[in-house]
Protein backbone atom coordinates (compact mmCIF):
# COMPACT_ATOMS: atom_id res chain seq x y z
CA UNK A 1 -41.99 -37.52 -55.09
CA UNK A 2 -38.68 -35.89 -54.21
CA UNK A 3 -38.25 -32.15 -54.72
CA UNK A 4 -35.41 -32.73 -57.15
CA UNK A 5 -33.69 -35.42 -59.21
CA UNK A 6 -29.95 -35.28 -59.71
CA UNK A 7 -28.38 -36.95 -62.72
CA UNK A 8 -24.69 -37.61 -61.90
CA UNK A 9 -22.09 -40.35 -61.68
CA UNK A 10 -21.90 -42.35 -58.43
CA UNK A 11 -18.97 -40.27 -57.10
CA UNK A 12 -18.71 -37.01 -55.18
CA UNK A 13 -16.83 -34.60 -57.49
CA UNK A 14 -19.13 -31.99 -59.20
CA UNK A 15 -22.29 -33.71 -58.03
CA UNK A 16 -21.33 -33.23 -54.40
CA UNK A 17 -21.63 -29.46 -54.77
CA UNK A 18 -25.26 -29.83 -55.75
CA UNK A 19 -25.89 -32.35 -53.06
CA UNK A 20 -24.33 -30.04 -50.38
CA UNK A 21 -26.69 -27.22 -51.29
CA UNK A 22 -29.74 -29.46 -51.41
CA UNK A 23 -28.79 -30.93 -48.02
CA UNK A 24 -28.26 -27.44 -46.57
CA UNK A 25 -31.75 -26.23 -47.51
CA UNK A 26 -33.43 -29.44 -46.40
CA UNK A 27 -34.61 -30.40 -49.88
CA UNK A 28 -35.28 -34.00 -50.84
CA UNK A 29 -33.75 -35.41 -53.99
CA UNK A 30 -33.44 -38.68 -55.83
CA UNK A 31 -30.31 -39.87 -57.59
CA UNK A 32 -31.17 -40.95 -61.16
CA UNK A 33 -30.35 -44.52 -62.06
CA UNK A 34 -27.10 -44.82 -63.97
CA UNK A 35 -28.69 -46.19 -67.09
CA UNK A 36 -31.18 -43.38 -67.18
CA UNK A 37 -28.43 -40.83 -66.67
CA UNK A 38 -26.31 -42.31 -69.43
CA UNK A 39 -29.24 -42.45 -71.87
CA UNK A 40 -29.92 -38.79 -71.13
CA UNK A 41 -26.31 -37.89 -71.72
CA UNK A 42 -26.11 -39.78 -75.04
CA UNK A 43 -29.50 -38.73 -76.36
CA UNK A 44 -29.77 -36.18 -79.13
CA UNK A 45 -29.89 -32.65 -77.67
CA UNK A 46 -33.43 -32.11 -78.88
CA UNK A 47 -34.57 -35.07 -76.79
CA UNK A 48 -32.65 -34.29 -73.60
CA UNK A 49 -34.20 -32.83 -70.46
CA UNK A 50 -31.91 -29.90 -71.09
CA UNK A 51 -29.37 -29.84 -73.95
CA UNK A 52 -26.05 -30.82 -72.40
CA UNK A 53 -22.79 -32.63 -72.96
CA UNK A 54 -22.51 -34.34 -69.57
CA UNK A 55 -23.76 -34.29 -65.96
CA UNK A 56 -24.62 -32.89 -63.54
CA UNK A 57 -28.18 -32.29 -64.56
CA UNK A 58 -30.75 -31.26 -61.93
CA UNK A 59 -34.49 -31.42 -62.37
CA UNK A 60 -36.63 -29.22 -60.13
CA UNK A 61 -39.95 -31.01 -60.18
CA UNK A 62 -41.91 -28.17 -58.53
CA UNK A 63 -40.78 -25.70 -61.16
CA UNK A 64 -40.79 -28.25 -64.01
CA UNK A 65 -37.30 -27.17 -65.09
CA UNK A 66 -34.00 -29.02 -65.71
CA UNK A 67 -30.58 -27.37 -65.67
CA UNK A 68 -27.11 -28.47 -66.62
CA UNK A 69 -23.61 -27.15 -65.74
CA UNK A 70 -22.60 -27.05 -62.09
CA UNK A 71 -22.26 -23.22 -61.88
CA UNK A 72 -25.70 -22.69 -63.43
CA UNK A 73 -27.31 -25.22 -61.12
CA UNK A 74 -25.72 -23.68 -58.02
CA UNK A 75 -26.68 -20.17 -59.14
CA UNK A 76 -30.30 -21.28 -59.56
CA UNK A 77 -30.44 -23.06 -56.22
CA UNK A 78 -28.76 -20.15 -54.48
CA UNK A 79 -31.21 -17.61 -55.76
CA UNK A 80 -34.22 -19.83 -55.21
CA UNK A 81 -33.30 -20.72 -51.62
CA UNK A 82 -31.94 -17.38 -50.50
CA UNK A 83 -28.28 -18.40 -50.40
CA UNK A 84 -27.09 -15.58 -52.73
CA UNK A 85 -26.21 -12.10 -51.46
CA UNK A 86 -28.65 -9.37 -52.38
CA UNK A 87 -25.78 -6.99 -53.06
CA UNK A 88 -24.90 -7.22 -56.82
CA UNK A 89 -21.15 -7.07 -56.17
CA UNK A 90 -21.20 -9.92 -53.68
CA UNK A 91 -23.51 -11.93 -55.90
CA UNK A 92 -21.01 -11.53 -58.69
CA UNK A 93 -18.18 -12.58 -56.35
CA UNK A 94 -20.21 -15.66 -55.43
CA UNK A 95 -20.54 -16.56 -59.10
CA UNK A 96 -16.78 -16.02 -59.44
CA UNK A 97 -15.99 -18.34 -56.52
CA UNK A 98 -18.19 -21.01 -58.07
CA UNK A 99 -16.40 -20.59 -61.41
CA UNK A 100 -13.02 -20.77 -59.64
CA UNK A 101 -14.05 -24.05 -57.99
CA UNK A 102 -15.05 -25.47 -61.33
CA UNK A 103 -11.66 -24.44 -62.76
CA UNK A 104 -9.81 -26.22 -59.90
CA UNK A 105 -11.77 -29.41 -60.60
CA UNK A 106 -10.90 -29.08 -64.29
CA UNK A 107 -7.21 -28.68 -63.56
CA UNK A 108 -7.05 -31.37 -60.89
CA UNK A 109 -8.41 -33.88 -63.41
CA UNK A 110 -6.14 -32.66 -66.23
CA UNK A 111 -8.99 -31.37 -68.31
CA UNK A 112 -11.57 -33.92 -67.20
CA UNK A 113 -9.24 -36.85 -67.62
CA UNK A 114 -7.81 -35.94 -71.08
CA UNK A 115 -4.41 -36.98 -69.71
CA UNK A 116 -3.13 -38.90 -66.70
CA UNK A 117 -0.90 -37.45 -63.98
CA UNK A 118 2.81 -38.19 -64.01
CA UNK A 119 5.10 -37.30 -61.19
CA UNK A 120 6.74 -34.55 -63.27
CA UNK A 121 3.38 -33.07 -64.20
CA UNK A 122 2.18 -33.09 -60.64
CA UNK A 123 5.41 -31.56 -59.28
CA UNK A 124 5.05 -28.75 -61.83
CA UNK A 125 1.39 -28.23 -60.99
CA UNK A 126 1.59 -28.29 -57.19
CA UNK A 127 2.58 -24.61 -56.78
CA UNK A 128 -0.43 -23.64 -58.91
CA UNK A 129 -2.69 -25.63 -56.63
CA UNK A 130 -1.22 -23.72 -53.69
CA UNK A 131 -1.98 -20.49 -55.49
CA UNK A 132 -5.62 -21.54 -55.88
CA UNK A 133 -5.79 -22.15 -52.16
CA UNK A 134 -4.29 -18.70 -51.56
CA UNK A 135 -6.86 -17.14 -53.88
CA UNK A 136 -9.71 -18.60 -51.85
CA UNK A 137 -8.02 -17.54 -48.61
CA UNK A 138 -7.65 -13.95 -49.87
CA UNK A 139 -11.32 -13.81 -50.91
CA UNK A 140 -12.41 -14.84 -47.41
CA UNK A 141 -9.92 -12.66 -45.52
CA UNK A 142 -11.06 -9.56 -47.43
CA UNK A 143 -14.52 -10.07 -46.00
CA UNK A 144 -13.61 -10.88 -42.41
CA UNK A 145 -13.07 -14.67 -42.57
CA UNK A 146 -10.72 -15.91 -39.83
CA UNK A 147 -9.61 -19.27 -38.50
CA UNK A 148 -12.19 -18.88 -35.75
CA UNK A 149 -15.23 -17.52 -37.49
CA UNK A 150 -16.84 -15.85 -40.49
CA UNK A 151 -17.97 -16.57 -44.01
CA UNK A 152 -16.49 -16.14 -47.44
CA UNK A 153 -18.27 -12.89 -48.26
CA UNK A 154 -19.11 -11.58 -44.80
CA UNK A 155 -22.68 -12.90 -44.70
CA UNK A 156 -24.41 -13.77 -41.44
CA UNK A 157 -25.14 -17.34 -42.48
CA UNK A 158 -23.55 -19.83 -44.88
CA UNK A 159 -24.26 -19.06 -48.49
CA UNK A 160 -23.35 -20.56 -51.80
CA UNK A 161 -19.78 -19.22 -51.60
CA UNK A 162 -19.25 -20.97 -48.26
CA UNK A 163 -20.86 -24.24 -49.34
CA UNK A 164 -18.91 -24.35 -52.57
CA UNK A 165 -15.61 -23.50 -50.86
CA UNK A 166 -16.18 -26.10 -48.15
CA UNK A 167 -17.16 -28.73 -50.68
CA UNK A 168 -14.21 -28.03 -52.95
CA UNK A 169 -11.48 -28.10 -50.35
CA UNK A 170 -13.14 -30.15 -47.65
CA UNK A 171 -14.21 -33.11 -49.83
CA UNK A 172 -10.96 -33.00 -51.84
CA UNK A 173 -8.73 -33.15 -48.78
CA UNK A 174 -10.92 -35.72 -47.06
CA UNK A 175 -10.71 -38.06 -50.05
CA UNK A 176 -7.07 -37.10 -50.80
CA UNK A 177 -5.72 -36.56 -47.27
CA UNK A 178 -2.15 -35.96 -48.47
CA UNK A 179 -3.38 -32.53 -49.59
CA UNK A 180 -4.74 -31.46 -46.17
CA UNK A 181 -1.41 -30.23 -44.72
CA UNK A 182 -0.96 -28.01 -47.76
CA UNK A 183 -4.40 -26.51 -47.19
CA UNK A 184 -3.75 -25.99 -43.48
CA UNK A 185 -0.50 -24.17 -44.21
CA UNK A 186 -1.51 -22.17 -47.29
CA UNK A 187 -5.14 -21.34 -46.42
CA UNK A 188 -5.77 -21.82 -42.68
CA UNK A 189 -8.95 -19.77 -42.65
CA UNK A 190 -10.36 -21.85 -45.55
CA UNK A 191 -9.33 -25.02 -43.80
CA UNK A 192 -11.21 -23.86 -40.68
CA UNK A 193 -14.25 -22.85 -42.75
CA UNK A 194 -14.42 -26.28 -44.40
CA UNK A 195 -14.36 -27.89 -40.95
CA UNK A 196 -17.15 -25.60 -39.64
CA UNK A 197 -19.35 -26.26 -42.65
CA UNK A 198 -18.63 -30.01 -42.45
CA UNK A 199 -19.71 -30.05 -38.83
CA UNK A 200 -23.20 -28.87 -39.63
CA UNK A 201 -25.67 -31.73 -39.02
CA UNK A 202 -27.02 -31.83 -42.57
CA UNK A 203 -23.48 -31.86 -44.02
CA UNK A 204 -22.43 -34.61 -41.61
CA UNK A 205 -25.41 -36.65 -42.80
CA UNK A 206 -24.45 -36.05 -46.41
CA UNK A 207 -20.81 -37.03 -45.82
CA UNK A 208 -21.98 -40.24 -44.12
CA UNK A 209 -24.29 -40.97 -47.08
CA UNK A 210 -21.59 -40.26 -49.63
CA UNK A 211 -19.00 -42.34 -47.79
CA UNK A 212 -21.45 -45.20 -47.69
CA UNK A 213 -22.41 -44.97 -51.33
CA UNK A 214 -19.08 -43.88 -52.95
CA UNK A 215 -16.44 -45.13 -50.54
CA UNK A 216 -13.08 -43.33 -50.88
CA UNK A 217 -13.73 -42.19 -54.47
CA UNK A 218 -13.36 -38.51 -55.36
CA UNK A 219 -13.48 -38.19 -59.15
CA UNK A 220 -12.96 -41.94 -59.87
CA UNK A 221 -11.46 -43.70 -62.90
CA UNK A 222 -7.93 -43.77 -64.22
CA UNK A 223 -7.41 -40.05 -63.54
CA UNK A 224 -7.99 -40.53 -59.82
CA UNK A 225 -5.68 -43.56 -59.82
CA UNK A 226 -2.91 -41.50 -61.40
CA UNK A 227 -3.55 -38.66 -58.92
CA UNK A 228 -3.34 -41.00 -55.97
CA UNK A 229 -0.14 -42.49 -57.36
CA UNK A 230 1.67 -39.17 -57.51
CA UNK A 231 0.40 -38.14 -54.09
CA UNK A 232 1.70 -41.35 -52.61
CA UNK A 233 5.22 -40.62 -53.87
CA UNK A 234 7.68 -38.94 -51.46
CA UNK A 235 7.84 -35.13 -51.96
């Protein structure tokens, strides 16, 4: 049996953050069948593995526990596998970076697809996306991150903050390459960090697996189609 089972849609998006951490620590995991995942999502809360509105859900078979919500799952994996700083302040900053990443995903999908992107809406939002990039850049720079080396919170090895940052901006700009020049200009140290994390063998293997299984998809559906349409328009 695998160490974990991940319940998520067949796309990268929030599930890829969980996969990146599992790959980094060398854990094995199974991806739940879609029909099983959908039944879990639609079941009454009392009958769910963990009461939740939607995926991701992660089951840790060794601990006999299931968790929902991306930040909670990443916090659990980080503490279990030694990827969270011991210092309380830096641990809190890690949690904050995870929450920021979740907010960026929420905004980029217009509240999880509640609306579709129009060119006017995207043009108005684009400076805010640049500010998010600058926020991540400032976090890293304060703790010694440079274009050439370092980690988000000054740790000796990649931690949750690094894996989350690299997954957010690296996967987003790989799947939506029109955004990469903006990242390079606005947050060059973050761009370099994403490339360093992506070059790790386990992350390369994950990227190859995800490309094979999910193709060019990022968040999928009509919201991704509307996002690609505005990105394809001349600036």
